[in-house]
């Protein structure tokens, strides 16, 4: 992305990475990734965050173009994660008079990323309620610890109603692919949901705290560090974040997560999906964990109020794709759901026991009986057990 004017004195200077295959070395990003950054040009000039080093050359060109020969007064650091802070040392070197503005925790973390960076006399620690006066523009800082790092601050520009939301309200995808504004992005909620539950999702309580802090602000635009800028239908975006951060279901339906070794467990999962649809389930989504995006599976587990986990036994335990999936749900705070279990084992079924152990450790997750136990392949007699599980999960 090149420089884009947002108003007479605010510019977007972020950059897209269309070559990135894995964000944070784990999340598939078929549409690349956007690293957003902004400049406010007023009596004082503030640069809001830098970018990832992989787009460093483009970002520095954008910065120079937006400044038009002027010297920036401040670099505001909302978040210290390297995809937003990698160019701090470079920009401070280019502009020796620039002051770095960040939370005390962020300033404490800086030497972890920049060993030889001399910041003596060049930093300004801000806390919640502090205001950075630029002229017409006044940035009010709001602490947002653990959304999703401890040092995070967001800021609200009192002049134009813009909330600079750090990683909040972000999504996967380059802006050149997905659209510069949320209204241009037909798939915002899908990829924003996948981003939220995998990046921020563990910290629902902290997101709730931030939503409460900002609820009284006259927000007219949300400008995140990833993904499209949001100006229209802000109520919809805020409502989704409220639902997600409360760990409430968004869509009525049942997610079936299946991990099958030789196809027997998958055949039973497919049969269960067929039975559920025939019995009037509003929506049934089936995913083969061995051949699908883990981040999308986590997203779907949180999206629906009910889930069925179907897996093969393996090494007297649980087939590894299901083990990894449940572990991911556990660390992301999966809660407030009802879950059915289908296990398969050729001589000593153990998958159900391990899945139950995982689920019992999750907050307000209720296991729905009966547990269906298969022996290698689904037999005609197993269909009655699947029918019973379908009835129980629908009634739960």
Protein backbone atom coordinates (compact mmCIF):
# COMPACT_ATOMS: atom_id res chain seq x y z
CA UNK A 1 0.00 0.00 0.00
CA UNK A 2 1.14 3.53 -0.72
CA UNK A 3 0.39 6.69 1.26
CA UNK A 4 -3.31 7.38 1.55
CA UNK A 5 -4.82 10.57 2.92
CA UNK A 6 -7.45 9.90 5.57
CA UNK A 7 -8.11 13.60 6.12
CA UNK A 8 -6.37 16.91 5.52
CA UNK A 9 -3.79 16.15 8.22
CA UNK A 10 -3.88 12.38 8.79
CA UNK A 11 -2.28 9.86 6.43
CA UNK A 12 -2.07 6.09 6.25
CA UNK A 13 1.54 4.96 5.68
CA UNK A 14 1.22 1.20 6.25
CA UNK A 15 2.39 -1.52 3.91
CA UNK A 16 1.15 -4.88 2.63
CA UNK A 17 3.16 -8.10 2.62
CA UNK A 18 1.80 -10.27 -0.18
CA UNK A 19 4.60 -12.83 0.09
CA UNK A 20 3.93 -13.88 3.67
CA UNK A 21 2.73 -17.48 3.97
CA UNK A 22 2.47 -17.85 7.76
CA UNK A 23 1.68 -15.01 10.13
CA UNK A 24 3.48 -15.50 13.47
CA UNK A 25 4.98 -18.58 11.77
CA UNK A 26 1.72 -20.50 12.32
CA UNK A 27 -1.36 -18.86 10.76
CA UNK A 28 -2.04 -19.36 7.06
CA UNK A 29 -2.57 -16.01 5.30
CA UNK A 30 -3.51 -16.70 1.66
CA UNK A 31 -4.21 -12.99 1.13
CA UNK A 32 -1.03 -11.77 2.79
CA UNK A 33 -0.95 -9.33 5.70
CA UNK A 34 -1.29 -5.59 6.25
CA UNK A 35 0.92 -3.69 8.68
CA UNK A 36 -0.89 -0.45 9.41
CA UNK A 37 0.75 2.79 10.49
CA UNK A 38 -0.36 6.41 10.51
CA UNK A 39 0.97 9.97 10.57
CA UNK A 40 -0.79 12.98 12.09
CA UNK A 41 0.54 16.29 10.77
CA UNK A 42 -0.38 19.17 13.06
CA UNK A 43 1.61 21.81 14.95
CA UNK A 44 3.41 18.75 16.23
CA UNK A 45 3.82 15.69 14.01
CA UNK A 46 3.23 12.18 15.36
CA UNK A 47 4.02 8.88 13.67
CA UNK A 48 1.81 6.12 15.04
CA UNK A 49 3.72 2.82 15.10
CA UNK A 50 6.16 1.42 12.55
CA UNK A 51 5.88 -1.92 10.72
CA UNK A 52 7.42 -5.32 10.19
CA UNK A 53 10.99 -5.35 8.89
CA UNK A 54 9.87 -7.36 5.85
CA UNK A 55 8.02 -4.27 4.57
CA UNK A 56 10.54 -1.82 5.99
CA UNK A 57 11.67 -0.30 2.71
CA UNK A 58 8.09 0.43 1.59
CA UNK A 59 7.16 1.81 5.01
CA UNK A 60 10.14 4.19 5.09
CA UNK A 61 9.28 5.43 1.59
CA UNK A 62 5.69 6.02 2.67
CA UNK A 63 6.82 7.86 5.79
CA UNK A 64 9.11 10.16 3.82
CA UNK A 65 6.37 10.88 1.28
CA UNK A 66 3.81 11.69 3.97
CA UNK A 67 6.22 13.97 5.83
CA UNK A 68 7.17 15.88 2.68
CA UNK A 69 10.45 17.04 4.16
CA UNK A 70 9.05 17.82 7.60
CA UNK A 71 10.56 16.44 10.79
CA UNK A 72 8.33 14.34 13.06
CA UNK A 73 8.17 15.22 16.75
CA UNK A 74 6.89 11.94 18.16
CA UNK A 75 6.86 8.23 17.49
CA UNK A 76 3.91 6.73 19.34
CA UNK A 77 4.30 3.02 20.07
CA UNK A 78 0.99 1.36 20.89
CA UNK A 79 2.35 -2.21 20.78
CA UNK A 80 5.86 -3.64 20.97
CA UNK A 81 5.35 -6.84 18.98
CA UNK A 82 8.01 -6.95 16.24
CA UNK A 83 5.54 -6.77 13.36
CA UNK A 84 4.76 -3.21 14.52
CA UNK A 85 7.99 -2.12 16.19
CA UNK A 86 10.79 -3.50 14.02
CA UNK A 87 11.69 -0.11 12.55
CA UNK A 88 11.85 1.90 15.78
CA UNK A 89 15.64 2.10 15.84
CA UNK A 90 15.81 3.05 12.17
CA UNK A 91 13.28 5.87 12.40
CA UNK A 92 14.85 7.27 15.57
CA UNK A 93 18.19 7.28 13.80
CA UNK A 94 16.71 9.13 10.82
CA UNK A 95 15.10 11.77 13.04
CA UNK A 96 17.41 12.46 16.03
CA UNK A 97 15.03 15.01 17.57
CA UNK A 98 12.08 12.62 17.63
CA UNK A 99 10.68 11.56 21.00
CA UNK A 100 9.42 8.03 21.58
CA UNK A 101 6.04 7.93 23.36
CA UNK A 102 4.89 4.64 24.87
CA UNK A 103 3.69 2.96 28.05
CA UNK A 104 6.23 2.42 30.80
CA UNK A 105 6.01 -1.33 30.16
CA UNK A 106 6.80 -0.83 26.47
CA UNK A 107 9.82 1.32 27.32
CA UNK A 108 10.97 -1.39 29.70
CA UNK A 109 10.70 -3.97 26.88
CA UNK A 110 12.58 -1.94 24.26
CA UNK A 111 16.09 -3.20 25.19
CA UNK A 112 14.87 -6.77 24.62
CA UNK A 113 14.51 -5.92 20.92
CA UNK A 114 17.17 -3.22 20.46
CA UNK A 115 20.25 -3.97 22.52
CA UNK A 116 22.35 -0.94 21.62
CA UNK A 117 19.63 1.67 21.20
CA UNK A 118 20.47 4.83 23.16
CA UNK A 119 17.20 6.39 24.31
CA UNK A 120 18.57 8.73 26.93
CA UNK A 121 16.40 11.86 26.97
CA UNK A 122 14.30 10.60 24.08
CA UNK A 123 11.38 8.81 25.75
CA UNK A 124 8.08 9.87 27.22
CA UNK A 125 6.16 7.33 29.29
CA UNK A 126 2.38 7.71 29.14
CA UNK A 127 -0.33 6.11 31.20
CA UNK A 128 -4.11 5.90 31.01
CA UNK A 129 -5.68 9.34 30.87
CA UNK A 130 -2.56 11.10 29.60
CA UNK A 131 -2.97 13.26 26.50
CA UNK A 132 -0.42 14.00 23.78
CA UNK A 133 -1.08 17.52 22.52
CA UNK A 134 -0.34 17.91 18.82
CA UNK A 135 -2.38 21.05 18.18
CA UNK A 136 -5.89 20.48 16.92
CA UNK A 137 -5.33 16.75 17.42
CA UNK A 138 -5.15 15.44 20.99
CA UNK A 139 -4.31 11.78 21.56
CA UNK A 140 -5.88 10.42 24.75
CA UNK A 141 -4.20 7.21 25.92
CA UNK A 142 -6.09 4.22 27.29
CA UNK A 143 -4.33 1.23 28.83
CA UNK A 144 -5.15 -2.09 27.18
CA UNK A 145 -2.90 -4.62 28.96
CA UNK A 146 -3.03 -8.16 27.57
CA UNK A 147 -4.89 -7.17 24.42
CA UNK A 148 -2.82 -9.11 23.68
CA UNK A 149 0.55 -8.11 25.21
CA UNK A 150 1.02 -6.46 28.63
CA UNK A 151 2.38 -3.14 27.36
CA UNK A 152 -0.42 -2.31 24.94
CA UNK A 153 -1.99 1.14 24.84
CA UNK A 154 -4.68 2.39 22.49
CA UNK A 155 -5.28 6.05 21.77
CA UNK A 156 -8.29 8.18 20.93
CA UNK A 157 -7.97 11.29 18.78
CA UNK A 158 -10.41 13.79 20.25
CA UNK A 159 -10.31 15.89 17.06
CA UNK A 160 -11.77 13.38 14.63
CA UNK A 161 -13.06 10.53 16.82
CA UNK A 162 -10.51 7.95 15.65
CA UNK A 163 -9.62 5.06 17.93
CA UNK A 164 -6.14 3.69 17.20
CA UNK A 165 -6.88 0.21 18.47
CA UNK A 166 -3.52 -1.62 18.24
CA UNK A 167 -4.20 -5.32 17.50
CA UNK A 168 -7.85 -4.97 18.48
CA UNK A 169 -10.29 -5.14 15.54
CA UNK A 170 -7.53 -6.51 13.31
CA UNK A 171 -7.84 -9.22 10.71
CA UNK A 172 -5.74 -11.32 8.39
CA UNK A 173 -5.21 -10.18 4.81
CA UNK A 174 -3.43 -7.44 2.88
CA UNK A 175 -5.49 -4.31 2.26
CA UNK A 176 -4.71 -4.45 -1.45
CA UNK A 177 -6.46 -7.82 -1.51
CA UNK A 178 -9.26 -7.37 1.01
CA UNK A 179 -10.14 -3.68 0.77
CA UNK A 180 -8.90 -0.57 2.53
CA UNK A 181 -12.11 0.03 4.48
CA UNK A 182 -14.33 -2.50 6.23
CA UNK A 183 -17.19 -1.63 3.89
CA UNK A 184 -15.03 -2.80 0.96
CA UNK A 185 -14.31 -6.15 2.62
CA UNK A 186 -16.98 -8.78 1.98
CA UNK A 187 -15.24 -11.24 4.28
CA UNK A 188 -14.35 -9.02 7.27
CA UNK A 189 -16.12 -10.97 9.99
CA UNK A 190 -14.79 -14.36 8.85
CA UNK A 191 -11.10 -13.45 8.84
CA UNK A 192 -11.49 -11.04 11.77
CA UNK A 193 -13.04 -13.89 13.76
CA UNK A 194 -10.20 -16.26 12.85
CA UNK A 195 -7.73 -13.53 13.82
CA UNK A 196 -9.50 -12.69 17.08
CA UNK A 197 -9.82 -16.19 18.52
CA UNK A 198 -6.31 -17.24 17.54
CA UNK A 199 -4.42 -14.03 18.36
CA UNK A 200 -6.45 -12.26 21.06
CA UNK A 201 -9.03 -14.84 22.10
CA UNK A 202 -7.44 -15.99 25.36
CA UNK A 203 -7.85 -12.48 26.77
CA UNK A 204 -11.61 -12.02 26.64
CA UNK A 205 -11.77 -10.40 30.09
CA UNK A 206 -9.19 -7.82 29.05
CA UNK A 207 -11.05 -7.09 25.82
CA UNK A 208 -14.23 -6.62 27.83
CA UNK A 209 -12.41 -4.16 30.09
CA UNK A 210 -11.23 -2.17 27.06
CA UNK A 211 -14.70 -2.16 25.51
CA UNK A 212 -16.11 -0.74 28.75
CA UNK A 213 -13.43 1.96 28.87
CA UNK A 214 -14.13 3.07 25.33
CA UNK A 215 -17.92 2.73 25.41
CA UNK A 216 -18.48 6.37 26.33
CA UNK A 217 -16.14 7.75 23.68
CA UNK A 218 -17.64 9.33 20.53
CA UNK A 219 -15.82 6.90 18.23
CA UNK A 220 -16.24 7.66 14.54
CA UNK A 221 -13.51 5.41 13.15
CA UNK A 222 -11.42 2.43 14.31
CA UNK A 223 -7.90 2.29 12.91
CA UNK A 224 -6.25 -1.03 13.81
CA UNK A 225 -2.68 -2.20 13.24
CA UNK A 226 -3.87 -5.00 10.93
CA UNK A 227 -6.72 -5.13 8.46
CA UNK A 228 -9.19 -2.63 7.03
CA UNK A 229 -10.01 0.69 8.63
CA UNK A 230 -13.52 0.72 10.08
CA UNK A 231 -15.78 3.73 9.69
CA UNK A 232 -19.26 2.46 8.82
CA UNK A 233 -21.44 0.15 10.90
CA UNK A 234 -19.21 0.49 13.95
CA UNK A 235 -22.00 -0.96 16.07
CA UNK A 236 -21.72 -4.24 14.19
CA UNK A 237 -17.98 -4.54 14.78
CA UNK A 238 -18.27 -3.58 18.43
CA UNK A 239 -21.13 -6.03 18.91
CA UNK A 240 -19.10 -8.89 17.44
CA UNK A 241 -16.16 -8.08 19.70
CA UNK A 242 -18.49 -7.99 22.68
CA UNK A 243 -19.90 -11.44 21.79
CA UNK A 244 -16.50 -12.95 21.08
CA UNK A 245 -14.87 -11.59 24.24
CA UNK A 246 -17.71 -12.90 26.41
CA UNK A 247 -17.13 -16.39 24.95
CA UNK A 248 -20.74 -16.42 23.77
CA UNK A 249 -21.86 -18.31 20.67
CA UNK A 250 -22.32 -16.16 17.60
CA UNK A 251 -24.21 -18.53 15.28
CA UNK A 252 -26.68 -21.27 16.20
CA UNK A 253 -25.35 -24.61 15.02
CA UNK A 254 -23.08 -27.58 15.71
CA UNK A 255 -19.43 -27.94 14.80
CA UNK A 256 -18.14 -31.48 14.29
CA UNK A 257 -14.37 -31.76 14.60
CA UNK A 258 -13.03 -35.10 13.39
CA UNK A 259 -9.57 -36.69 13.50
CA UNK A 260 -9.62 -39.99 11.61
CA UNK A 261 -6.66 -42.22 10.75
CA UNK A 262 -8.06 -44.65 8.18
CA UNK A 263 -11.45 -43.11 7.47
CA UNK A 264 -13.66 -45.08 9.84
CA UNK A 265 -14.11 -42.25 12.32
CA UNK A 266 -14.69 -39.75 9.52
CA UNK A 267 -17.45 -41.95 8.06
CA UNK A 268 -19.19 -41.94 11.45
CA UNK A 269 -18.80 -38.15 11.74
CA UNK A 270 -20.33 -37.73 8.29
CA UNK A 271 -23.22 -39.99 9.29
CA UNK A 272 -23.75 -37.96 12.48
CA UNK A 273 -23.83 -34.74 10.44
CA UNK A 274 -26.45 -36.31 8.16
CA UNK A 275 -28.56 -37.37 11.16
CA UNK A 276 -28.32 -33.92 12.77
CA UNK A 277 -29.44 -32.18 9.59
CA UNK A 278 -32.35 -34.60 9.20
CA UNK A 279 -33.41 -33.86 12.78
CA UNK A 280 -33.53 -30.11 12.08
CA UNK A 281 -30.18 -28.80 13.29
CA UNK A 282 -30.00 -25.13 12.16
CA UNK A 283 -26.46 -25.58 10.83
CA UNK A 284 -23.90 -28.37 10.89
CA UNK A 285 -20.24 -27.77 10.02
CA UNK A 286 -17.93 -30.77 9.71
CA UNK A 287 -14.15 -30.40 9.57
CA UNK A 288 -11.48 -33.04 9.06
CA UNK A 289 -8.75 -31.87 11.43
CA UNK A 290 -6.12 -33.79 9.51
CA UNK A 291 -6.64 -31.76 6.33
CA UNK A 292 -7.82 -28.32 7.35
CA UNK A 293 -6.56 -25.05 8.79
CA UNK A 294 -6.20 -25.34 12.56
CA UNK A 295 -6.89 -21.64 13.06
CA UNK A 296 -10.16 -21.94 11.17
CA UNK A 297 -11.15 -24.94 13.28
CA UNK A 298 -10.51 -22.95 16.45
CA UNK A 299 -12.63 -20.14 15.00
CA UNK A 300 -15.53 -22.51 14.29
CA UNK A 301 -15.34 -24.11 17.73
CA UNK A 302 -15.89 -20.69 19.28
CA UNK A 303 -18.49 -19.61 16.72
CA UNK A 304 -21.08 -22.27 17.56
CA UNK A 305 -22.66 -23.16 20.93
CA UNK A 306 -22.27 -26.91 20.47
CA UNK A 307 -19.54 -29.20 19.22
CA UNK A 308 -18.92 -32.89 18.68
CA UNK A 309 -15.37 -34.20 18.79
CA UNK A 310 -14.79 -37.48 16.97
CA UNK A 311 -11.37 -39.10 17.07
CA UNK A 312 -9.41 -42.30 16.83
CA UNK A 313 -7.43 -43.77 19.68
CA UNK A 314 -3.68 -43.64 19.18
CA UNK A 315 -0.76 -44.98 21.25
CA UNK A 316 -3.16 -45.68 24.15
CA UNK A 317 -4.21 -42.06 24.01
CA UNK A 318 -5.63 -39.71 21.39
CA UNK A 319 -4.87 -39.24 17.70
CA UNK A 320 -2.50 -36.27 17.56
CA UNK A 321 -4.52 -33.83 15.39
CA UNK A 322 -7.37 -33.98 17.92
CA UNK A 323 -4.95 -33.71 20.83
CA UNK A 324 -3.42 -30.59 19.31
CA UNK A 325 -6.85 -29.13 18.54
CA UNK A 326 -8.14 -29.59 22.10
CA UNK A 327 -4.88 -28.25 23.50
CA UNK A 328 -5.29 -25.15 21.32
CA UNK A 329 -8.86 -24.67 22.54
CA UNK A 330 -7.70 -25.09 26.12
CA UNK A 331 -5.05 -22.37 25.92
CA UNK A 332 -7.40 -20.04 24.03
CA UNK A 333 -10.00 -20.19 26.80
CA UNK A 334 -12.70 -22.34 25.20
CA UNK A 335 -15.72 -22.16 27.52
CA UNK A 336 -19.50 -22.07 27.89
CA UNK A 337 -20.17 -24.84 25.38
CA UNK A 338 -21.79 -28.28 25.17
CA UNK A 339 -19.74 -31.04 23.57
CA UNK A 340 -20.51 -34.58 22.42
CA UNK A 341 -17.87 -37.30 22.02
CA UNK A 342 -17.35 -40.05 19.45
CA UNK A 343 -14.34 -42.31 19.93
CA UNK A 344 -12.90 -45.13 17.85
CA UNK A 345 -10.53 -47.91 18.82
CA UNK A 346 -9.69 -51.25 17.29
CA UNK A 347 -8.74 -53.06 20.50
CA UNK A 348 -8.60 -50.64 23.47
CA UNK A 349 -10.54 -47.40 22.83
CA UNK A 350 -8.85 -44.57 24.73
CA UNK A 351 -9.72 -41.44 22.74
CA UNK A 352 -12.94 -40.74 24.65
CA UNK A 353 -11.17 -40.78 28.00
CA UNK A 354 -8.51 -38.29 26.88
CA UNK A 355 -11.03 -36.00 25.20
CA UNK A 356 -13.15 -36.01 28.35
CA UNK A 357 -10.10 -35.11 30.42
CA UNK A 358 -9.39 -32.14 28.17
CA UNK A 359 -13.00 -30.93 28.22
CA UNK A 360 -13.41 -31.33 31.97
CA UNK A 361 -10.63 -28.80 32.50
CA UNK A 362 -12.36 -26.12 30.45
CA UNK A 363 -14.66 -23.56 32.05
CA UNK A 364 -18.40 -24.31 31.80
CA UNK A 365 -17.93 -26.98 29.14
CA UNK A 366 -20.50 -29.73 29.56
CA UNK A 367 -19.96 -33.19 28.07
CA UNK A 368 -23.15 -34.51 26.48
CA UNK A 369 -23.92 -38.21 26.96
CA UNK A 370 -23.87 -40.80 25.53
CA UNK A 371 -20.26 -41.14 24.46
CA UNK A 372 -20.34 -43.16 21.24
CA UNK A 373 -17.67 -45.88 21.02
CA UNK A 374 -16.83 -47.42 17.63
CA UNK A 375 -14.76 -50.49 16.98
CA UNK A 376 -12.69 -49.85 13.83
CA UNK A 377 -15.62 -49.25 11.47
CA UNK A 378 -19.17 -48.05 11.91
CA UNK A 379 -21.61 -50.97 11.98
CA UNK A 380 -25.35 -50.94 11.55
CA UNK A 381 -25.78 -51.13 15.32
CA UNK A 382 -23.73 -47.97 15.83
CA UNK A 383 -26.29 -45.83 14.03
CA UNK A 384 -28.68 -46.05 16.99
CA UNK A 385 -25.94 -44.70 19.26
CA UNK A 386 -25.30 -41.82 16.83
CA UNK A 387 -29.04 -41.11 16.77
CA UNK A 388 -29.06 -40.98 20.56
CA UNK A 389 -26.09 -38.59 20.62
CA UNK A 390 -27.76 -36.41 17.99
CA UNK A 391 -30.93 -36.21 20.09
CA UNK A 392 -28.94 -35.36 23.21
CA UNK A 393 -26.79 -32.63 21.59
CA UNK A 394 -29.85 -31.04 19.98
CA UNK A 395 -31.68 -31.04 23.32
CA UNK A 396 -28.68 -29.74 25.29
